[in-house]
């Protein structure tokens, strides 16, 4: 599992299309149109991935994505191994801050979390 903030950009001037004998021209200047956050879950050996785009990346956003992973994508799995970085929102406590205690506990029991080394990337 990983997440990444993304800048949403647009052209300040439209690019000039290619013409016979001329290359495609595009100005380096851009207009910022905001930002978003991508959440991505992947299971490489199964050839599966799930991407979700969110306006932000809060503890509640992460907890909701984990709930969706466990209840919607792997409802029959007894335990799911989740490999992710040490971002402050990636914690079991995020489940308890987002869901009622009983539901948070049932989700937490199904997770086996492995954190990547702090400066591993």
N, C-alpha and C. Protein backbone atom coordinates (compact mmCIF):
# COMPACT_ATOMS: atom_id res chain seq x y z
N UNK A 1 0.85 -1.17 0.00
CA UNK A 1 0.00 0.00 0.00
C UNK A 1 0.89 1.23 0.00
N UNK A 2 0.52 2.18 -0.81
CA UNK A 2 1.23 3.45 -0.82
C UNK A 2 0.25 4.55 -1.18
N UNK A 3 0.61 5.74 -0.82
CA UNK A 3 -0.18 6.89 -1.23
C UNK A 3 0.77 8.01 -1.63
N UNK A 4 0.28 8.89 -2.47
CA UNK A 4 1.14 9.94 -2.99
C UNK A 4 0.31 11.18 -3.29
N UNK A 5 0.81 12.34 -2.84
CA UNK A 5 0.13 13.58 -3.22
C UNK A 5 0.49 13.94 -4.67
N UNK A 6 -0.47 14.44 -5.41
CA UNK A 6 -0.28 14.78 -6.82
C UNK A 6 -0.75 16.21 -7.05
N UNK A 7 0.04 17.00 -7.77
CA UNK A 7 -0.39 18.32 -8.20
C UNK A 7 -1.22 18.19 -9.47
N UNK A 8 -2.30 18.90 -9.56
CA UNK A 8 -3.13 18.90 -10.76
C UNK A 8 -2.75 20.14 -11.58
N UNK A 9 -2.24 19.92 -12.78
CA UNK A 9 -1.72 21.01 -13.60
C UNK A 9 -2.45 21.10 -14.93
N UNK A 10 -2.45 22.30 -15.49
CA UNK A 10 -3.03 22.53 -16.80
C UNK A 10 -2.08 23.41 -17.59
N UNK A 11 -2.23 23.44 -18.90
CA UNK A 11 -1.41 24.30 -19.75
C UNK A 11 -1.85 25.76 -19.60
N UNK A 12 -0.87 26.68 -19.56
CA UNK A 12 -1.24 28.10 -19.58
C UNK A 12 -1.52 28.55 -21.02
N UNK A 13 -0.87 27.90 -21.96
CA UNK A 13 -1.13 28.12 -23.40
C UNK A 13 -1.31 26.74 -24.03
N UNK A 14 -2.26 26.59 -24.93
CA UNK A 14 -2.45 25.26 -25.53
C UNK A 14 -1.23 24.83 -26.34
N UNK A 15 -0.86 23.56 -26.28
CA UNK A 15 0.28 23.09 -27.06
C UNK A 15 -0.02 23.17 -28.56
N UNK A 16 1.03 23.39 -29.33
CA UNK A 16 0.87 23.43 -30.79
C UNK A 16 0.98 22.00 -31.33
N UNK A 17 -0.01 21.55 -32.10
CA UNK A 17 0.05 20.19 -32.63
C UNK A 17 1.18 20.03 -33.65
N UNK A 18 1.62 18.78 -33.83
CA UNK A 18 2.65 18.51 -34.82
C UNK A 18 2.11 18.79 -36.21
N UNK A 19 3.01 19.28 -37.05
CA UNK A 19 2.68 19.47 -38.46
C UNK A 19 3.78 18.82 -39.26
N UNK A 20 3.51 18.57 -40.50
CA UNK A 20 4.50 17.94 -41.35
C UNK A 20 5.80 18.74 -41.32
N UNK A 21 6.86 18.11 -40.90
CA UNK A 21 8.17 18.75 -40.84
C UNK A 21 8.41 19.57 -39.59
N UNK A 22 7.44 19.66 -38.67
CA UNK A 22 7.61 20.43 -37.43
C UNK A 22 7.29 19.53 -36.23
N UNK A 23 8.01 19.72 -35.16
CA UNK A 23 7.80 18.92 -33.96
C UNK A 23 6.66 19.48 -33.12
N UNK A 24 6.16 18.68 -32.22
CA UNK A 24 5.13 19.09 -31.25
C UNK A 24 5.76 20.13 -30.33
N UNK A 25 5.08 21.24 -30.11
CA UNK A 25 5.61 22.30 -29.24
C UNK A 25 4.68 22.49 -28.05
N UNK A 26 5.31 22.56 -26.89
CA UNK A 26 4.55 22.70 -25.65
C UNK A 26 5.31 23.65 -24.73
N UNK A 27 4.64 24.65 -24.20
CA UNK A 27 5.26 25.62 -23.30
C UNK A 27 5.48 24.98 -21.94
N UNK A 28 6.54 25.35 -21.25
CA UNK A 28 6.84 24.80 -19.93
C UNK A 28 5.98 25.45 -18.85
N UNK A 29 5.38 26.59 -19.14
CA UNK A 29 4.57 27.31 -18.18
C UNK A 29 3.26 26.55 -17.93
N UNK A 30 2.79 26.51 -16.69
CA UNK A 30 1.57 25.78 -16.36
C UNK A 30 0.73 26.56 -15.35
N UNK A 31 -0.49 26.11 -15.18
CA UNK A 31 -1.42 26.68 -14.20
C UNK A 31 -1.74 25.58 -13.20
N UNK A 32 -1.59 25.88 -11.92
CA UNK A 32 -1.88 24.89 -10.88
C UNK A 32 -3.38 24.84 -10.65
N UNK A 33 -3.94 23.64 -10.67
CA UNK A 33 -5.38 23.45 -10.52
C UNK A 33 -5.74 22.73 -9.22
N UNK A 34 -4.83 22.73 -8.26
CA UNK A 34 -5.10 22.08 -6.98
C UNK A 34 -4.25 20.84 -6.79
N UNK A 35 -4.69 19.99 -5.89
CA UNK A 35 -3.95 18.76 -5.61
C UNK A 35 -4.92 17.67 -5.20
N UNK A 36 -4.41 16.45 -5.19
CA UNK A 36 -5.20 15.30 -4.73
C UNK A 36 -4.23 14.27 -4.16
N UNK A 37 -4.77 13.21 -3.66
CA UNK A 37 -3.94 12.14 -3.10
C UNK A 37 -4.37 10.82 -3.73
N UNK A 38 -3.39 10.03 -4.16
CA UNK A 38 -3.66 8.70 -4.72
C UNK A 38 -3.35 7.65 -3.67
N UNK A 39 -4.29 6.76 -3.43
CA UNK A 39 -4.06 5.59 -2.58
C UNK A 39 -3.98 4.39 -3.51
N UNK A 40 -2.94 3.57 -3.37
CA UNK A 40 -2.82 2.40 -4.23
C UNK A 40 -2.50 1.16 -3.40
N UNK A 41 -3.31 0.14 -3.62
CA UNK A 41 -3.08 -1.17 -3.02
C UNK A 41 -2.75 -2.12 -4.16
N UNK A 42 -1.78 -2.99 -3.95
CA UNK A 42 -1.41 -3.92 -5.01
C UNK A 42 -1.06 -5.28 -4.42
N UNK A 43 -1.40 -6.30 -5.18
CA UNK A 43 -1.01 -7.67 -4.86
C UNK A 43 -0.31 -8.19 -6.11
N UNK A 44 1.02 -7.98 -6.21
CA UNK A 44 1.75 -8.27 -7.44
C UNK A 44 1.63 -9.70 -7.95
N UNK A 45 1.68 -10.69 -7.07
CA UNK A 45 1.64 -12.08 -7.52
C UNK A 45 0.29 -12.46 -8.11
N UNK A 46 -0.75 -11.75 -7.72
CA UNK A 46 -2.09 -12.03 -8.26
C UNK A 46 -2.41 -11.12 -9.44
N UNK A 47 -1.55 -10.15 -9.72
CA UNK A 47 -1.81 -9.23 -10.81
C UNK A 47 -2.96 -8.28 -10.50
N UNK A 48 -3.14 -7.94 -9.22
CA UNK A 48 -4.27 -7.10 -8.79
C UNK A 48 -3.77 -5.77 -8.26
N UNK A 49 -4.52 -4.70 -8.55
CA UNK A 49 -4.24 -3.41 -7.93
C UNK A 49 -5.54 -2.62 -7.85
N UNK A 50 -5.57 -1.73 -6.87
CA UNK A 50 -6.71 -0.85 -6.68
C UNK A 50 -6.19 0.55 -6.42
N UNK A 51 -6.69 1.52 -7.17
CA UNK A 51 -6.28 2.91 -7.01
C UNK A 51 -7.50 3.74 -6.66
N UNK A 52 -7.35 4.59 -5.67
CA UNK A 52 -8.43 5.49 -5.26
C UNK A 52 -7.87 6.90 -5.19
N UNK A 53 -8.61 7.86 -5.74
CA UNK A 53 -8.21 9.26 -5.72
C UNK A 53 -9.06 9.97 -4.67
N UNK A 54 -8.39 10.75 -3.83
CA UNK A 54 -9.07 11.46 -2.75
C UNK A 54 -8.62 12.92 -2.76
N UNK A 55 -9.44 13.80 -2.21
CA UNK A 55 -9.06 15.21 -2.14
C UNK A 55 -7.93 15.44 -1.14
N UNK A 56 -7.81 14.59 -0.15
CA UNK A 56 -6.81 14.77 0.91
C UNK A 56 -6.33 13.41 1.38
N UNK A 57 -5.43 13.41 2.35
CA UNK A 57 -4.96 12.14 2.91
C UNK A 57 -4.89 12.23 4.43
N UNK A 58 -6.03 12.10 5.04
CA UNK A 58 -6.13 12.16 6.49
C UNK A 58 -6.16 10.75 7.07
N UNK A 59 -6.14 10.67 8.39
CA UNK A 59 -6.25 9.36 9.05
C UNK A 59 -7.55 8.67 8.66
N UNK A 60 -8.63 9.45 8.59
CA UNK A 60 -9.93 8.89 8.23
C UNK A 60 -9.94 8.36 6.79
N UNK A 61 -9.26 9.06 5.88
CA UNK A 61 -9.17 8.59 4.49
C UNK A 61 -8.43 7.26 4.43
N UNK A 62 -7.31 7.17 5.16
CA UNK A 62 -6.55 5.91 5.18
C UNK A 62 -7.39 4.79 5.80
N UNK A 63 -8.06 5.08 6.90
CA UNK A 63 -8.87 4.06 7.58
C UNK A 63 -9.99 3.57 6.65
N UNK A 64 -10.61 4.46 5.92
CA UNK A 64 -11.68 4.07 5.00
C UNK A 64 -11.14 3.19 3.89
N UNK A 65 -9.94 3.48 3.39
CA UNK A 65 -9.34 2.65 2.35
C UNK A 65 -9.00 1.25 2.88
N UNK A 66 -8.53 1.17 4.11
CA UNK A 66 -8.24 -0.13 4.72
C UNK A 66 -9.54 -0.91 4.92
N UNK A 67 -10.60 -0.23 5.37
CA UNK A 67 -11.90 -0.90 5.52
C UNK A 67 -12.37 -1.46 4.19
N UNK A 68 -12.25 -0.66 3.13
CA UNK A 68 -12.66 -1.12 1.80
C UNK A 68 -11.83 -2.32 1.36
N UNK A 69 -10.53 -2.27 1.62
CA UNK A 69 -9.65 -3.39 1.26
C UNK A 69 -10.11 -4.67 1.95
N UNK A 70 -10.36 -4.59 3.24
CA UNK A 70 -10.71 -5.79 4.01
C UNK A 70 -12.14 -6.26 3.75
N UNK A 71 -13.09 -5.36 3.70
CA UNK A 71 -14.49 -5.77 3.61
C UNK A 71 -14.99 -5.94 2.18
N UNK A 72 -14.47 -5.16 1.25
CA UNK A 72 -14.97 -5.23 -0.14
C UNK A 72 -14.10 -6.11 -1.04
N UNK A 73 -12.78 -5.97 -0.92
CA UNK A 73 -11.88 -6.69 -1.82
C UNK A 73 -11.44 -8.06 -1.29
N UNK A 74 -11.31 -8.19 0.03
CA UNK A 74 -10.88 -9.46 0.64
C UNK A 74 -11.80 -9.84 1.81
N UNK A 75 -13.10 -9.97 1.57
CA UNK A 75 -14.01 -10.26 2.68
C UNK A 75 -13.82 -11.64 3.30
N UNK A 76 -13.30 -12.60 2.54
CA UNK A 76 -13.12 -13.97 3.04
C UNK A 76 -11.75 -14.20 3.68
N UNK A 77 -10.83 -13.27 3.51
CA UNK A 77 -9.47 -13.45 4.04
C UNK A 77 -9.47 -13.32 5.56
N UNK A 78 -8.82 -14.28 6.22
CA UNK A 78 -8.71 -14.20 7.68
C UNK A 78 -7.72 -13.13 8.09
N UNK A 79 -6.64 -13.02 7.30
CA UNK A 79 -5.59 -12.03 7.61
C UNK A 79 -5.05 -11.48 6.30
N UNK A 80 -4.80 -10.17 6.30
CA UNK A 80 -4.23 -9.50 5.13
C UNK A 80 -2.90 -8.87 5.56
N UNK A 81 -1.84 -9.20 4.84
CA UNK A 81 -0.53 -8.58 5.10
C UNK A 81 -0.46 -7.27 4.34
N UNK A 82 -0.24 -6.19 5.07
CA UNK A 82 -0.18 -4.86 4.48
C UNK A 82 1.22 -4.31 4.67
N UNK A 83 1.91 -4.08 3.56
CA UNK A 83 3.26 -3.52 3.58
C UNK A 83 3.14 -2.06 3.19
N UNK A 84 3.65 -1.16 4.05
CA UNK A 84 3.51 0.27 3.80
C UNK A 84 4.59 1.05 4.53
N UNK A 85 4.67 2.35 4.23
CA UNK A 85 5.67 3.19 4.89
C UNK A 85 5.16 3.65 6.26
N UNK A 86 6.00 4.45 6.93
CA UNK A 86 5.72 4.86 8.31
C UNK A 86 5.01 6.21 8.41
N UNK A 87 4.21 6.59 7.44
CA UNK A 87 3.51 7.86 7.52
C UNK A 87 2.64 7.89 8.77
N UNK A 88 2.52 9.06 9.39
CA UNK A 88 1.80 9.15 10.67
C UNK A 88 0.33 8.72 10.59
N UNK A 89 -0.28 8.76 9.41
CA UNK A 89 -1.68 8.34 9.28
C UNK A 89 -1.81 6.82 9.16
N UNK A 90 -0.73 6.12 8.88
CA UNK A 90 -0.75 4.66 8.67
C UNK A 90 -0.60 3.93 10.01
N UNK A 91 -1.61 3.99 10.82
CA UNK A 91 -1.54 3.35 12.14
C UNK A 91 -2.89 2.77 12.50
N UNK A 92 -2.87 1.73 13.32
CA UNK A 92 -4.10 1.10 13.79
C UNK A 92 -4.97 2.12 14.52
N UNK A 93 -4.34 3.08 15.18
CA UNK A 93 -5.11 4.10 15.90
C UNK A 93 -6.03 4.88 14.97
N UNK A 94 -5.67 4.99 13.70
CA UNK A 94 -6.53 5.67 12.73
C UNK A 94 -7.87 4.95 12.58
N UNK A 95 -7.85 3.63 12.69
CA UNK A 95 -9.10 2.86 12.62
C UNK A 95 -10.00 3.20 13.81
N UNK A 96 -9.39 3.30 15.00
CA UNK A 96 -10.17 3.60 16.21
C UNK A 96 -10.68 5.03 16.22
N UNK A 97 -9.98 5.95 15.57
CA UNK A 97 -10.44 7.33 15.50
C UNK A 97 -11.56 7.51 14.47
N UNK A 98 -11.68 6.56 13.55
CA UNK A 98 -12.65 6.68 12.46
C UNK A 98 -13.90 5.85 12.68
N UNK A 99 -13.74 4.64 13.22
CA UNK A 99 -14.87 3.71 13.36
C UNK A 99 -15.18 3.45 14.83
N UNK A 100 -16.38 2.91 15.11
CA UNK A 100 -16.68 2.50 16.49
C UNK A 100 -15.68 1.43 16.94
N UNK A 101 -15.41 1.35 18.25
CA UNK A 101 -14.37 0.42 18.75
C UNK A 101 -14.52 -1.02 18.29
N UNK A 102 -15.76 -1.54 18.26
CA UNK A 102 -15.96 -2.95 17.87
C UNK A 102 -15.55 -3.17 16.41
N UNK A 103 -15.94 -2.25 15.57
CA UNK A 103 -15.60 -2.39 14.14
C UNK A 103 -14.10 -2.21 13.92
N UNK A 104 -13.50 -1.22 14.60
CA UNK A 104 -12.06 -0.99 14.48
C UNK A 104 -11.28 -2.22 14.93
N UNK A 105 -11.71 -2.84 16.02
CA UNK A 105 -11.03 -4.04 16.51
C UNK A 105 -11.14 -5.18 15.51
N UNK A 106 -12.32 -5.37 14.92
CA UNK A 106 -12.46 -6.47 13.95
C UNK A 106 -11.60 -6.23 12.72
N UNK A 107 -11.46 -4.99 12.30
CA UNK A 107 -10.57 -4.68 11.17
C UNK A 107 -9.11 -4.89 11.56
N UNK A 108 -8.73 -4.39 12.74
CA UNK A 108 -7.34 -4.48 13.19
C UNK A 108 -6.89 -5.93 13.35
N UNK A 109 -7.77 -6.80 13.81
CA UNK A 109 -7.42 -8.22 14.00
C UNK A 109 -7.10 -8.90 12.67
N UNK A 110 -7.63 -8.40 11.59
CA UNK A 110 -7.41 -9.02 10.27
C UNK A 110 -6.17 -8.48 9.57
N UNK A 111 -5.52 -7.49 10.17
CA UNK A 111 -4.34 -6.88 9.54
C UNK A 111 -3.04 -7.41 10.13
N UNK A 112 -2.09 -7.68 9.26
CA UNK A 112 -0.71 -7.96 9.67
C UNK A 112 0.13 -6.89 8.97
N UNK A 113 0.56 -5.89 9.73
CA UNK A 113 1.22 -4.73 9.14
C UNK A 113 2.74 -4.89 9.19
N UNK A 114 3.36 -4.62 8.06
CA UNK A 114 4.82 -4.60 7.94
C UNK A 114 5.19 -3.22 7.41
N UNK A 115 5.99 -2.50 8.21
CA UNK A 115 6.42 -1.16 7.79
C UNK A 115 7.75 -1.26 7.06
N UNK A 116 7.90 -0.49 6.00
CA UNK A 116 9.18 -0.43 5.29
C UNK A 116 10.17 0.39 6.13
N UNK A 117 11.48 0.19 5.95
CA UNK A 117 12.45 0.98 6.73
C UNK A 117 12.25 2.48 6.52
N UNK A 118 12.56 3.26 7.55
CA UNK A 118 12.29 4.69 7.53
C UNK A 118 12.84 5.39 6.29
N UNK A 119 14.05 5.17 5.94
CA UNK A 119 14.64 5.82 4.76
C UNK A 119 14.90 4.78 3.66
N UNK A 120 14.00 3.81 3.57
CA UNK A 120 14.18 2.70 2.65
C UNK A 120 13.92 3.04 1.18
N UNK A 121 13.14 4.08 0.91
CA UNK A 121 12.85 4.36 -0.49
C UNK A 121 13.98 5.14 -1.11
